[in-house]
């Protein structure tokens, strides 16, 4: 029978005492719970702001890196083009110096326009033309 009495005792509910101390403890627990909720919200908003700022900074750095690499490639292409133009300019300067020489002009006129000096006869052979075609290919 003692088992039946224990079961009956467990089924009974204990009523809480409603005095000032118990109410103050409940109010303090409610205040702490509300404080935890507000703290969690503040930390969540702050964390979200940090995440957005990090994504924004990362995307900006990525975009700038892409721009820098594109500009570096354009710079390399421009430098290569500059070297070609400088080489071409040097060749043109040499040609200007040669064209100021009268002997070179006479030789060039005889070669390209088949002009001759008095008493000189010009003969062209197929073998000579092949050599003329091979010479520019060797210079390049």
Foldseek 3Di string as FASTA:
>chain_A
DVVVVVVVVVPDDDDDDDDPVVVVVVVVVVVVVVVVVVVVVVVVVVVVVVVVVVVVVVVVVVVVVVVVVVVVVVVVVVVVVVVVVVVVVVVVVVVVVLVVDPVSVVVVCCVPVVDDDPPDDDDDDPVVVVVVVVVVVVVD
